[in-house]
Amino acid sequence: MPRPTTAQLAYGSCTVILSTLAMLLLSQTSSGVGIAVIALAALALGLLVALTVPLPKSAAGPAARPGTPTAAPAPARAPAPAPAIVRSEAVRGPVREPVREPTGS
């Protein structure tokens, strides 16, 4: 089972906290049973939100979400060949050496 991502933890936690506060304020309950029911409902909602957060592209696959249909993996592309560096005399021209004059001795 894969570990939850940071986004899943953040969305799930925020959902639990905000939905608990909203349901407690809207229901105005003060009994222990009512608070427990609201807390359990908020936890279930937070779990649902955390599980429906899209997974990153690198983790998406049969191991990330079992039971979901998957496409065949894309064939690996070969890296593009580097451009060849041509160093021939036809392109650069002949190498010219300086003329050496004989010295009079």
PDB file of N, CA and C in Angstrom:
ATOM      1  N   MET A   1       0.848  -1.174   0.000  1.00  0.00           N
ATOM      2  CA  MET A   1       0.000   0.000   0.000  1.00  0.00           C
ATOM      3  C   MET A   1       0.899   1.245   0.000  1.00  0.00           C
ATOM      4  N   PRO A   2       0.660   2.162  -0.945  1.00  0.00           N
ATOM      5  CA  PRO A   2       1.513   3.348  -1.030  1.00  0.00           C
ATOM      6  C   PRO A   2       1.242   4.314   0.115  1.00  0.00           C
ATOM      7  N   ARG A   3       2.270   5.081   0.447  1.00  0.00           N
ATOM      8  CA  ARG A   3       2.121   6.086   1.502  1.00  0.00           C
ATOM      9  C   ARG A   3       1.322   7.270   0.987  1.00  0.00           C
ATOM     10  N   PRO A   4       0.556   7.934   1.855  1.00  0.00           N
ATOM     11  CA  PRO A   4      -0.187   9.123   1.392  1.00  0.00           C
ATOM     12  C   PRO A   4       0.774  10.264   1.091  1.00  0.00           C
ATOM     13  N   THR A   5       0.420  11.050   0.083  1.00  0.00           N
ATOM     14  CA  THR A   5       1.246  12.193  -0.281  1.00  0.00           C
ATOM     15  C   THR A   5       0.946  13.362   0.652  1.00  0.00           C
ATOM     16  N   THR A   6       1.762  14.390   0.555  1.00  0.00           N
ATOM     17  CA  THR A   6       1.563  15.586   1.383  1.00  0.00           C
ATOM     18  C   THR A   6       0.233  16.248   1.056  1.00  0.00           C
ATOM     19  N   ALA A   7      -0.120  16.272  -0.214  1.00  0.00           N
ATOM     20  CA  ALA A   7      -1.392  16.881  -0.616  1.00  0.00           C
ATOM     21  C   ALA A   7      -2.572  16.114  -0.030  1.00  0.00           C
ATOM     22  N   GLN A   8      -2.492  14.794  -0.030  1.00  0.00           N
ATOM     23  CA  GLN A   8      -3.581  13.998   0.538  1.00  0.00           C
ATOM     24  C   GLN A   8      -3.732  14.266   2.030  1.00  0.00           C
ATOM     25  N   LEU A   9      -2.617  14.325   2.736  1.00  0.00           N
ATOM     26  CA  LEU A   9      -2.690  14.612   4.171  1.00  0.00           C
ATOM     27  C   LEU A   9      -3.251  16.003   4.445  1.00  0.00           C
ATOM     28  N   ALA A  10      -2.822  16.981   3.661  1.00  0.00           N
ATOM     29  CA  ALA A  10      -3.270  18.357   3.873  1.00  0.00           C
ATOM     30  C   ALA A  10      -4.767  18.501   3.579  1.00  0.00           C
ATOM     31  N   TYR A  11      -5.209  17.984   2.435  1.00  0.00           N
ATOM     32  CA  TYR A  11      -6.624  18.100   2.088  1.00  0.00           C
ATOM     33  C   TYR A  11      -7.509  17.336   3.073  1.00  0.00           C
ATOM     34  N   GLY A  12      -7.089  16.147   3.452  1.00  0.00           N
ATOM     35  CA  GLY A  12      -7.884  15.364   4.393  1.00  0.00           C
ATOM     36  C   GLY A  12      -7.983  16.030   5.752  1.00  0.00           C
ATOM     37  N   SER A  13      -6.869  16.548   6.262  1.00  0.00           N
ATOM     38  CA  SER A  13      -6.879  17.209   7.571  1.00  0.00           C
ATOM     39  C   SER A  13      -7.730  18.470   7.554  1.00  0.00           C
ATOM     40  N   CYS A  14      -7.576  19.277   6.517  1.00  0.00           N
ATOM     41  CA  CYS A  14      -8.390  20.504   6.423  1.00  0.00           C
ATOM     42  C   CYS A  14      -9.874  20.172   6.320  1.00  0.00           C
ATOM     43  N   THR A  15     -10.195  19.129   5.590  1.00  0.00           N
ATOM     44  CA  THR A  15     -11.592  18.733   5.455  1.00  0.00           C
ATOM     45  C   THR A  15     -12.170  18.299   6.796  1.00  0.00           C
ATOM     46  N   VAL A  16     -11.417  17.521   7.555  1.00  0.00           N
ATOM     47  CA  VAL A  16     -11.903  17.058   8.863  1.00  0.00           C
ATOM     48  C   VAL A  16     -12.144  18.253   9.789  1.00  0.00           C
ATOM     49  N   ILE A  17     -11.184  19.151   9.856  1.00  0.00           N
ATOM     50  CA  ILE A  17     -11.303  20.286  10.783  1.00  0.00           C
ATOM     51  C   ILE A  17     -12.444  21.199  10.386  1.00  0.00           C
ATOM     52  N   LEU A  18     -12.479  21.592   9.112  1.00  0.00           N
ATOM     53  CA  LEU A  18     -13.505  22.548   8.681  1.00  0.00           C
ATOM     54  C   LEU A  18     -14.910  21.939   8.691  1.00  0.00           C
ATOM     55  N   SER A  19     -15.031  20.689   8.293  1.00  0.00           N
ATOM     56  CA  SER A  19     -16.367  20.085   8.297  1.00  0.00           C
ATOM     57  C   SER A  19     -16.861  19.843   9.726  1.00  0.00           C
ATOM     58  N   THR A  20     -15.959  19.518  10.651  1.00  0.00           N
ATOM     59  CA  THR A  20     -16.368  19.355  12.052  1.00  0.00           C
ATOM     60  C   THR A  20     -16.886  20.671  12.607  1.00  0.00           C
ATOM     61  N   LEU A  21     -16.136  21.743  12.384  1.00  0.00           N
ATOM     62  CA  LEU A  21     -16.583  23.052  12.872  1.00  0.00           C
ATOM     63  C   LEU A  21     -17.911  23.461  12.247  1.00  0.00           C
ATOM     64  N   ALA A  22     -18.044  23.273  10.938  1.00  0.00           N
ATOM     65  CA  ALA A  22     -19.284  23.665  10.265  1.00  0.00           C
ATOM     66  C   ALA A  22     -20.482  22.862  10.780  1.00  0.00           C
ATOM     67  N   MET A  23     -20.307  21.546  10.925  1.00  0.00           N
ATOM     68  CA  MET A  23     -21.446  20.733  11.393  1.00  0.00           C
ATOM     69  C   MET A  23     -21.789  21.025  12.845  1.00  0.00           C
ATOM     70  N   LEU A  24     -20.778  21.294  13.671  1.00  0.00           N
ATOM     71  CA  LEU A  24     -21.076  21.628  15.068  1.00  0.00           C
ATOM     72  C   LEU A  24     -21.800  22.965  15.176  1.00  0.00           C
ATOM     73  N   LEU A  25     -21.382  23.935  14.370  1.00  0.00           N
ATOM     74  CA  LEU A  25     -22.048  25.238  14.408  1.00  0.00           C
ATOM     75  C   LEU A  25     -23.462  25.169  13.843  1.00  0.00           C
ATOM     76  N   LEU A  26     -23.644  24.395  12.778  1.00  0.00           N
ATOM     77  CA  LEU A  26     -24.972  24.316  12.172  1.00  0.00           C
ATOM     78  C   LEU A  26     -25.948  23.479  12.994  1.00  0.00           C
ATOM     79  N   SER A  27     -25.465  22.424  13.634  1.00  0.00           N
ATOM     80  CA  SER A  27     -26.376  21.563  14.392  1.00  0.00           C
ATOM     81  C   SER A  27     -26.651  22.090  15.799  1.00  0.00           C
ATOM     82  N   GLN A  28     -25.763  22.876  16.335  1.00  0.00           N
ATOM     83  CA  GLN A  28     -25.868  23.435  17.691  1.00  0.00           C
ATOM     84  C   GLN A  28     -26.114  22.345  18.729  1.00  0.00           C
ATOM     85  N   THR A  29     -25.474  21.216  18.537  1.00  0.00           N
ATOM     86  CA  THR A  29     -25.633  20.122  19.490  1.00  0.00           C
ATOM     87  C   THR A  29     -24.671  20.301  20.655  1.00  0.00           C
ATOM     88  N   SER A  30     -25.087  19.814  21.809  1.00  0.00           N
ATOM     89  CA  SER A  30     -24.226  19.884  22.987  1.00  0.00           C
ATOM     90  C   SER A  30     -24.114  18.517  23.668  1.00  0.00           C
ATOM     91  N   SER A  31     -24.787  17.515  23.100  1.00  0.00           N
ATOM     92  CA  SER A  31     -24.712  16.181  23.697  1.00  0.00           C
ATOM     93  C   SER A  31     -23.460  15.458  23.207  1.00  0.00           C
ATOM     94  N   GLY A  32     -22.977  14.561  24.027  1.00  0.00           N
ATOM     95  CA  GLY A  32     -21.788  13.798  23.677  1.00  0.00           C
ATOM     96  C   GLY A  32     -21.994  12.897  22.476  1.00  0.00           C
ATOM     97  N   VAL A  33     -23.194  12.319  22.379  1.00  0.00           N
ATOM     98  CA  VAL A  33     -23.493  11.425  21.265  1.00  0.00           C
ATOM     99  C   VAL A  33     -23.520  12.209  19.952  1.00  0.00           C
ATOM    100  N   GLY A  34     -24.112  13.394  19.969  1.00  0.00           N
ATOM    101  CA  GLY A  34     -24.179  14.224  18.757  1.00  0.00           C
ATOM    102  C   GLY A  34     -22.794  14.655  18.290  1.00  0.00           C
ATOM    103  N   ILE A  35     -21.938  15.021  19.262  1.00  0.00           N
ATOM    104  CA  ILE A  35     -20.569  15.432  18.914  1.00  0.00           C
ATOM    105  C   ILE A  35     -19.790  14.249  18.349  1.00  0.00           C
ATOM    106  N   ALA A  36     -19.997  13.062  18.924  1.00  0.00           N
ATOM    107  CA  ALA A  36     -19.302  11.867  18.427  1.00  0.00           C
ATOM    108  C   ALA A  36     -19.748  11.529  17.008  1.00  0.00           C
ATOM    109  N   VAL A  37     -21.033  11.636  16.722  1.00  0.00           N
ATOM    110  CA  VAL A  37     -21.541  11.350  15.377  1.00  0.00           C
ATOM    111  C   VAL A  37     -20.968  12.345  14.367  1.00  0.00           C
ATOM    112  N   ILE A  38     -20.916  13.618  14.755  1.00  0.00           N
ATOM    113  CA  ILE A  38     -20.368  14.645  13.867  1.00  0.00           C
ATOM    114  C   ILE A  38     -18.876  14.396  13.624  1.00  0.00           C
ATOM    115  N   ALA A  39     -18.146  14.033  14.667  1.00  0.00           N
ATOM    116  CA  ALA A  39     -16.708  13.773  14.518  1.00  0.00           C
ATOM    117  C   ALA A  39     -16.469  12.587  13.595  1.00  0.00           C
ATOM    118  N   LEU A  40     -17.254  11.515  13.743  1.00  0.00           N
ATOM    119  CA  LEU A  40     -17.102  10.360  12.864  1.00  0.00           C
ATOM    120  C   LEU A  40     -17.462  10.697  11.414  1.00  0.00           C
ATOM    121  N   ALA A  41     -18.502  11.488  11.225  1.00  0.00           N
ATOM    122  CA  ALA A  41     -18.876  11.896   9.873  1.00  0.00           C
ATOM    123  C   ALA A  41     -17.778  12.758   9.248  1.00  0.00           C
ATOM    124  N   ALA A  42     -17.173  13.639  10.040  1.00  0.00           N
ATOM    125  CA  ALA A  42     -16.090  14.485   9.527  1.00  0.00           C
ATOM    126  C   ALA A  42     -14.862  13.648   9.177  1.00  0.00           C
ATOM    127  N   LEU A  43     -14.562  12.644   9.989  1.00  0.00           N
ATOM    128  CA  LEU A  43     -13.434  11.762   9.676  1.00  0.00           C
ATOM    129  C   LEU A  43     -13.673  10.985   8.383  1.00  0.00           C
ATOM    130  N   ALA A  44     -14.890  10.493   8.202  1.00  0.00           N
ATOM    131  CA  ALA A  44     -15.216   9.763   6.979  1.00  0.00           C
ATOM    132  C   ALA A  44     -15.115  10.677   5.763  1.00  0.00           C
ATOM    133  N   LEU A  45     -15.597  11.908   5.909  1.00  0.00           N
ATOM    134  CA  LEU A  45     -15.514  12.863   4.804  1.00  0.00           C
ATOM    135  C   LEU A  45     -14.054  13.215   4.486  1.00  0.00           C
ATOM    136  N   GLY A  46     -13.240  13.394   5.518  1.00  0.00           N
ATOM    137  CA  GLY A  46     -11.823  13.683   5.303  1.00  0.00           C
ATOM    138  C   GLY A  46     -11.102  12.539   4.625  1.00  0.00           C
ATOM    139  N   LEU A  47     -11.438  11.308   4.992  1.00  0.00           N
ATOM    140  CA  LEU A  47     -10.846  10.139   4.349  1.00  0.00           C
ATOM    141  C   LEU A  47     -11.255  10.059   2.883  1.00  0.00           C
ATOM    142  N   LEU A  48     -12.508  10.352   2.598  1.00  0.00           N
ATOM    143  CA  LEU A  48     -12.986  10.339   1.221  1.00  0.00           C
ATOM    144  C   LEU A  48     -12.252  11.389   0.379  1.00  0.00           C
ATOM    145  N   VAL A  49     -12.084  12.583   0.925  1.00  0.00           N
ATOM    146  CA  VAL A  49     -11.389  13.650   0.202  1.00  0.00           C
ATOM    147  C   VAL A  49      -9.928  13.270  -0.013  1.00  0.00           C
ATOM    148  N   ALA A  50      -9.271  12.715   0.999  1.00  0.00           N
ATOM    149  CA  ALA A  50      -7.863  12.353   0.875  1.00  0.00           C
ATOM    150  C   ALA A  50      -7.651  11.262  -0.173  1.00  0.00           C
ATOM    151  N   LEU A  51      -8.590  10.348  -0.295  1.00  0.00           N
ATOM    152  CA  LEU A  51      -8.440   9.268  -1.263  1.00  0.00           C
ATOM    153  C   LEU A  51      -8.741   9.706  -2.689  1.00  0.00           C
ATOM    154  N   THR A  52      -9.493  10.793  -2.855  1.00  0.00           N
ATOM    155  CA  THR A  52      -9.840  11.239  -4.198  1.00  0.00           C
ATOM    156  C   THR A  52      -8.903  12.306  -4.730  1.00  0.00           C
ATOM    157  N   VAL A  53      -7.913  12.735  -3.956  1.00  0.00           N
ATOM    158  CA  VAL A  53      -6.920  13.688  -4.451  1.00  0.00           C
ATOM    159  C   VAL A  53      -6.121  12.995  -5.543  1.00  0.00           C
ATOM    160  N   PRO A  54      -5.951  13.644  -6.706  1.00  0.00           N
ATOM    161  CA  PRO A  54      -5.187  12.996  -7.786  1.00  0.00           C
ATOM    162  C   PRO A  54      -3.749  12.719  -7.366  1.00  0.00           C
ATOM    163  N   LEU A  55      -3.265  11.556  -7.759  1.00  0.00           N
ATOM    164  CA  LEU A  55      -1.891  11.175  -7.460  1.00  0.00           C
ATOM    165  C   LEU A  55      -0.956  11.806  -8.477  1.00  0.00           C
ATOM    166  N   PRO A  56       0.307  12.031  -8.101  1.00  0.00           N
ATOM    167  CA  PRO A  56       1.265  12.554  -9.080  1.00  0.00           C
ATOM    168  C   PRO A  56       1.455  11.591 -10.238  1.00  0.00           C
ATOM    169  N   LYS A  57       1.908  12.114 -11.378  1.00  0.00           N
ATOM    170  CA  LYS A  57       2.071  11.299 -12.587  1.00  0.00           C
ATOM    171  C   LYS A  57       3.053  10.155 -12.382  1.00  0.00           C
ATOM    172  N   SER A  58       4.106  10.375 -11.600  1.00  0.00           N
ATOM    173  CA  SER A  58       5.106   9.330 -11.428  1.00  0.00           C
ATOM    174  C   SER A  58       4.579   8.156 -10.612  1.00  0.00           C
ATOM    175  N   ALA A  59       3.613   8.387  -9.729  1.00  0.00           N
ATOM    176  CA  ALA A  59       3.108   7.313  -8.884  1.00  0.00           C
ATOM    177  C   ALA A  59       1.875   6.636  -9.486  1.00  0.00           C
ATOM    178  N   ALA A  60       1.292   7.228 -10.521  1.00  0.00           N
ATOM    179  CA  ALA A  60       0.090   6.646 -11.111  1.00  0.00           C
ATOM    180  C   ALA A  60       0.465   5.369 -11.850  1.00  0.00           C
ATOM    181  N   GLY A  61      -0.170   4.308 -11.515  1.00  0.00           N
ATOM    182  CA  GLY A  61       0.120   3.026 -12.150  1.00  0.00           C
ATOM    183  C   GLY A  61      -0.604   1.927 -11.429  1.00  0.00           C
ATOM    184  N   PRO A  62      -0.380   0.682 -11.800  1.00  0.00           N
ATOM    185  CA  PRO A  62      -1.101  -0.415 -11.171  1.00  0.00           C
ATOM    186  C   PRO A  62      -0.822  -0.527  -9.685  1.00  0.00           C
ATOM    187  N   ALA A  63       0.376  -0.190  -9.246  1.00  0.00           N
ATOM    188  CA  ALA A  63       0.675  -0.297  -7.824  1.00  0.00           C
ATOM    189  C   ALA A  63       0.049   0.846  -7.042  1.00  0.00           C
ATOM    190  N   ALA A  64      -0.149   2.006  -7.704  1.00  0.00           N
ATOM    191  CA  ALA A  64      -0.688   3.169  -7.001  1.00  0.00           C
ATOM    192  C   ALA A  64      -2.183   3.036  -6.767  1.00  0.00           C
ATOM    193  N   ARG A  65      -2.910   2.571  -7.756  1.00  0.00           N
ATOM    194  CA  ARG A  65      -4.346   2.416  -7.613  1.00  0.00           C
ATOM    195  C   ARG A  65      -4.764   1.044  -8.131  1.00  0.00           C
ATOM    196  N   PRO A  66      -4.820   0.073  -7.243  1.00  0.00           N
ATOM    197  CA  PRO A  66      -5.189  -1.260  -7.705  1.00  0.00           C
ATOM    198  C   PRO A  66      -6.645  -1.307  -8.156  1.00  0.00           C
ATOM    199  N   GLY A  67      -6.885  -2.072  -9.203  1.00  0.00           N
ATOM    200  CA  GLY A  67      -8.254  -2.229  -9.680  1.00  0.00           C
ATOM    201  C   GLY A  67      -8.631  -1.252 -10.763  1.00  0.00           C
ATOM    202  N   THR A  68      -7.819  -0.257 -11.041  1.00  0.00           N
ATOM    203  CA  THR A  68      -8.147   0.677 -12.098  1.00  0.00           C
ATOM    204  C   THR A  68      -7.502   0.218 -13.387  1.00  0.00           C
ATOM    205  N   PRO A  69      -8.204   0.400 -14.514  1.00  0.00           N
ATOM    206  CA  PRO A  69      -7.610  -0.037 -15.780  1.00  0.00           C
ATOM    207  C   PRO A  69      -6.419   0.846 -16.122  1.00  0.00           C
ATOM    208  N   THR A  70      -5.388   0.226 -16.652  1.00  0.00           N
ATOM    209  CA  THR A  70      -4.195   0.981 -17.012  1.00  0.00           C
ATOM    210  C   THR A  70      -3.880   0.754 -18.477  1.00  0.00           C
ATOM    211  N   ALA A  71      -3.316   1.757 -19.090  1.00  0.00           N
ATOM    212  CA  ALA A  71      -2.912   1.648 -20.486  1.00  0.00           C
ATOM    213  C   ALA A  71      -1.554   0.958 -20.552  1.00  0.00           C
ATOM    214  N   ALA A  72      -1.236   0.478 -21.714  1.00  0.00           N
ATOM    215  CA  ALA A  72       0.071  -0.153 -21.900  1.00  0.00           C
ATOM    216  C   ALA A  72       1.150   0.912 -21.735  1.00  0.00           C
ATOM    217  N   PRO A  73       2.267   0.555 -21.149  1.00  0.00           N
ATOM    218  CA  PRO A  73       3.315   1.560 -20.954  1.00  0.00           C
ATOM    219  C   PRO A  73       3.858   2.039 -22.292  1.00  0.00           C
ATOM    220  N   ALA A  74       4.185   3.312 -22.328  1.00  0.00           N
ATOM    221  CA  ALA A  74       4.722   3.893 -23.556  1.00  0.00           C
ATOM    222  C   ALA A  74       6.122   3.350 -23.801  1.00  0.00           C
ATOM    223  N   PRO A  75       6.460   3.097 -25.053  1.00  0.00           N
ATOM    224  CA  PRO A  75       7.808   2.593 -25.328  1.00  0.00           C
ATOM    225  C   PRO A  75       8.838   3.668 -24.996  1.00  0.00           C
ATOM    226  N   ALA A  76       9.978   3.215 -24.522  1.00  0.00           N
ATOM    227  CA  ALA A  76      11.037   4.154 -24.156  1.00  0.00           C
ATOM    228  C   ALA A  76      11.644   4.740 -25.421  1.00  0.00           C
ATOM    229  N   ARG A  77      11.858   6.041 -25.396  1.00  0.00           N
ATOM    230  CA  ARG A  77      12.444   6.711 -26.549  1.00  0.00           C
ATOM    231  C   ARG A  77      13.957   6.733 -26.410  1.00  0.00           C
ATOM    232  N   ALA A  78      14.601   6.512 -27.518  1.00  0.00           N
ATOM    233  CA  ALA A  78      16.059   6.612 -27.520  1.00  0.00           C
ATOM    234  C   ALA A  78      16.436   8.088 -27.548  1.00  0.00           C
ATOM    235  N   PRO A  79      17.489   8.469 -26.845  1.00  0.00           N
ATOM    236  CA  PRO A  79      17.866   9.878 -26.866  1.00  0.00           C
ATOM    237  C   PRO A  79      18.315  10.288 -28.259  1.00  0.00           C
ATOM    238  N   ALA A  80      18.049  11.527 -28.594  1.00  0.00           N
ATOM    239  CA  ALA A  80      18.420  12.037 -29.911  1.00  0.00           C
ATOM    240  C   ALA A  80      19.938  12.066 -30.027  1.00  0.00           C
ATOM    241  N   PRO A  81      20.468  11.649 -31.164  1.00  0.00           N
ATOM    242  CA  PRO A  81      21.927  11.655 -31.300  1.00  0.00           C
ATOM    243  C   PRO A  81      22.452  13.084 -31.327  1.00  0.00           C
ATOM    244  N   ALA A  82      23.615  13.260 -30.751  1.00  0.00           N
ATOM    245  CA  ALA A  82      24.233  14.579 -30.748  1.00  0.00           C
ATOM    246  C   ALA A  82      24.711  14.900 -32.153  1.00  0.00           C
ATOM    247  N   PRO A  83      24.632  16.165 -32.548  1.00  0.00           N
ATOM    248  CA  PRO A  83      25.079  16.504 -33.897  1.00  0.00           C
ATOM    249  C   PRO A  83      26.577  16.245 -34.041  1.00  0.00           C
ATOM    250  N   ALA A  84      26.939  15.687 -35.163  1.00  0.00           N
ATOM    251  CA  ALA A  84      28.343  15.347 -35.403  1.00  0.00           C
ATOM    252  C   ALA A  84      29.136  16.623 -35.690  1.00  0.00           C
ATOM    253  N   ILE A  85      30.325  16.680 -35.164  1.00  0.00           N
ATOM    254  CA  ILE A  85      31.201  17.819 -35.398  1.00  0.00           C
ATOM    255  C   ILE A  85      32.124  17.440 -36.547  1.00  0.00           C
ATOM    256  N   VAL A  86      32.028  18.188 -37.630  1.00  0.00           N
ATOM    257  CA  VAL A  86      32.824  17.888 -38.813  1.00  0.00           C
ATOM    258  C   VAL A  86      34.070  18.757 -38.773  1.00  0.00           C
ATOM    259  N   ARG A  87      35.231  18.111 -38.802  1.00  0.00           N
ATOM    260  CA  ARG A  87      36.495  18.842 -38.785  1.00  0.00           C
ATOM    261  C   ARG A  87      37.371  18.340 -39.926  1.00  0.00           C
ATOM    262  N   SER A  88      36.985  18.634 -41.071  1.00  0.00           N
ATOM    263  CA  SER A  88      37.804  18.218 -42.211  1.00  0.00           C
ATOM    264  C   SER A  88      38.431  19.452 -42.825  1.00  0.00           C
ATOM    265  N   GLU A  89      39.487  19.251 -43.609  1.00  0.00           N
ATOM    266  CA  GLU A  89      40.174  20.378 -44.234  1.00  0.00           C
ATOM    267  C   GLU A  89      39.299  21.022 -45.288  1.00  0.00           C
ATOM    268  N   ALA A  90      38.360  20.268 -45.832  1.00  0.00           N
ATOM    269  CA  ALA A  90      37.485  20.843 -46.844  1.00  0.00           C
ATOM    270  C   ALA A  90      36.588  21.915 -46.229  1.00  0.00           C
ATOM    271  N   VAL A  91      36.216  21.741 -45.004  1.00  0.00           N
ATOM    272  CA  VAL A  91      35.347  22.710 -44.353  1.00  0.00           C
ATOM    273  C   VAL A  91      36.166  23.857 -43.769  1.00  0.00           C
ATOM    274  N   ARG A  92      37.259  23.532 -43.088  1.00  0.00           N
ATOM    275  CA  ARG A  92      38.049  24.559 -42.417  1.00  0.00           C
ATOM    276  C   ARG A  92      39.087  25.193 -43.319  1.00  0.00           C
ATOM    277  N   GLY A  93      39.477  24.514 -44.349  1.00  0.00           N
ATOM    278  CA  GLY A  93      40.534  25.005 -45.222  1.00  0.00           C
ATOM    279  C   GLY A  93      41.871  24.443 -44.766  1.00  0.00           C
ATOM    280  N   PRO A  94      42.859  24.487 -45.634  1.00  0.00           N
ATOM    281  CA  PRO A  94      44.160  23.931 -45.273  1.00  0.00           C
ATOM    282  C   PRO A  94      44.834  24.775 -44.196  1.00  0.00           C
ATOM    283  N   VAL A  95      45.648  24.126 -43.402  1.00  0.00           N
ATOM    284  CA  VAL A  95      46.387  24.822 -42.363  1.00  0.00           C
ATOM    285  C   VAL A  95      47.608  25.454 -43.016  1.00  0.00           C
ATOM    286  N   ARG A  96      47.791  26.736 -42.838  1.00  0.00           N
ATOM    287  CA  ARG A  96      48.914  27.441 -43.451  1.00  0.00           C
ATOM    288  C   ARG A  96      49.942  27.753 -42.381  1.00  0.00           C
ATOM    289  N   GLU A  97      51.148  27.359 -42.679  1.00  0.00           N
ATOM    290  CA  GLU A  97      52.240  27.647 -41.756  1.00  0.00           C
ATOM    291  C   GLU A  97      52.922  28.932 -42.197  1.00  0.00           C
ATOM    292  N   PRO A  98      53.480  29.656 -41.243  1.00  0.00           N
ATOM    293  CA  PRO A  98      54.160  30.888 -41.620  1.00  0.00           C
ATOM    294  C   PRO A  98      55.407  30.582 -42.461  1.00  0.00           C
ATOM    295  N   VAL A  99      55.700  31.478 -43.356  1.00  0.00           N
ATOM    296  CA  VAL A  99      56.862  31.315 -44.223  1.00  0.00           C
ATOM    297  C   VAL A  99      58.115  31.644 -43.423  1.00  0.00           C
ATOM    298  N   ARG A 100      59.108  30.771 -43.497  1.00  0.00           N
ATOM    299  CA  ARG A 100      60.358  30.989 -42.774  1.00  0.00           C
ATOM    300  C   ARG A 100      61.445  31.375 -43.779  1.00  0.00           C
ATOM    301  N   GLU A 101      61.966  32.525 -43.637  1.00  0.00           N
ATOM    302  CA  GLU A 101      63.016  33.004 -44.514  1.00  0.00           C
ATOM    303  C   GLU A 101      64.361  32.549 -43.995  1.00  0.00           C
ATOM    304  N   PRO A 102      65.226  32.123 -44.861  1.00  0.00           N
ATOM    305  CA  PRO A 102      66.563  31.757 -44.383  1.00  0.00           C
ATOM    306  C   PRO A 102      67.319  33.004 -43.911  1.00  0.00           C
ATOM    307  N   THR A 103      67.985  32.850 -42.850  1.00  0.00           N
ATOM    308  CA  THR A 103      68.745  33.963 -42.310  1.00  0.00           C
ATOM    309  C   THR A 103      70.158  33.941 -42.853  1.00  0.00           C
ATOM    310  N   GLY A 104      70.708  35.079 -43.115  1.00  0.00           N
ATOM    311  CA  GLY A 104      72.059  35.134 -43.651  1.00  0.00           C
ATOM    312  C   GLY A 104      73.088  35.019 -42.544  1.00  0.00           C
ATOM    313  N   SER A 105      73.885  33.970 -42.556  1.00  0.00           N
ATOM    314  CA  SER A 105      74.889  33.846 -41.534  1.00  0.00           C
ATOM    315  C   SER A 105      76.277  33.879 -42.105  1.00  0.00           C
TER     316      SER A 105
END
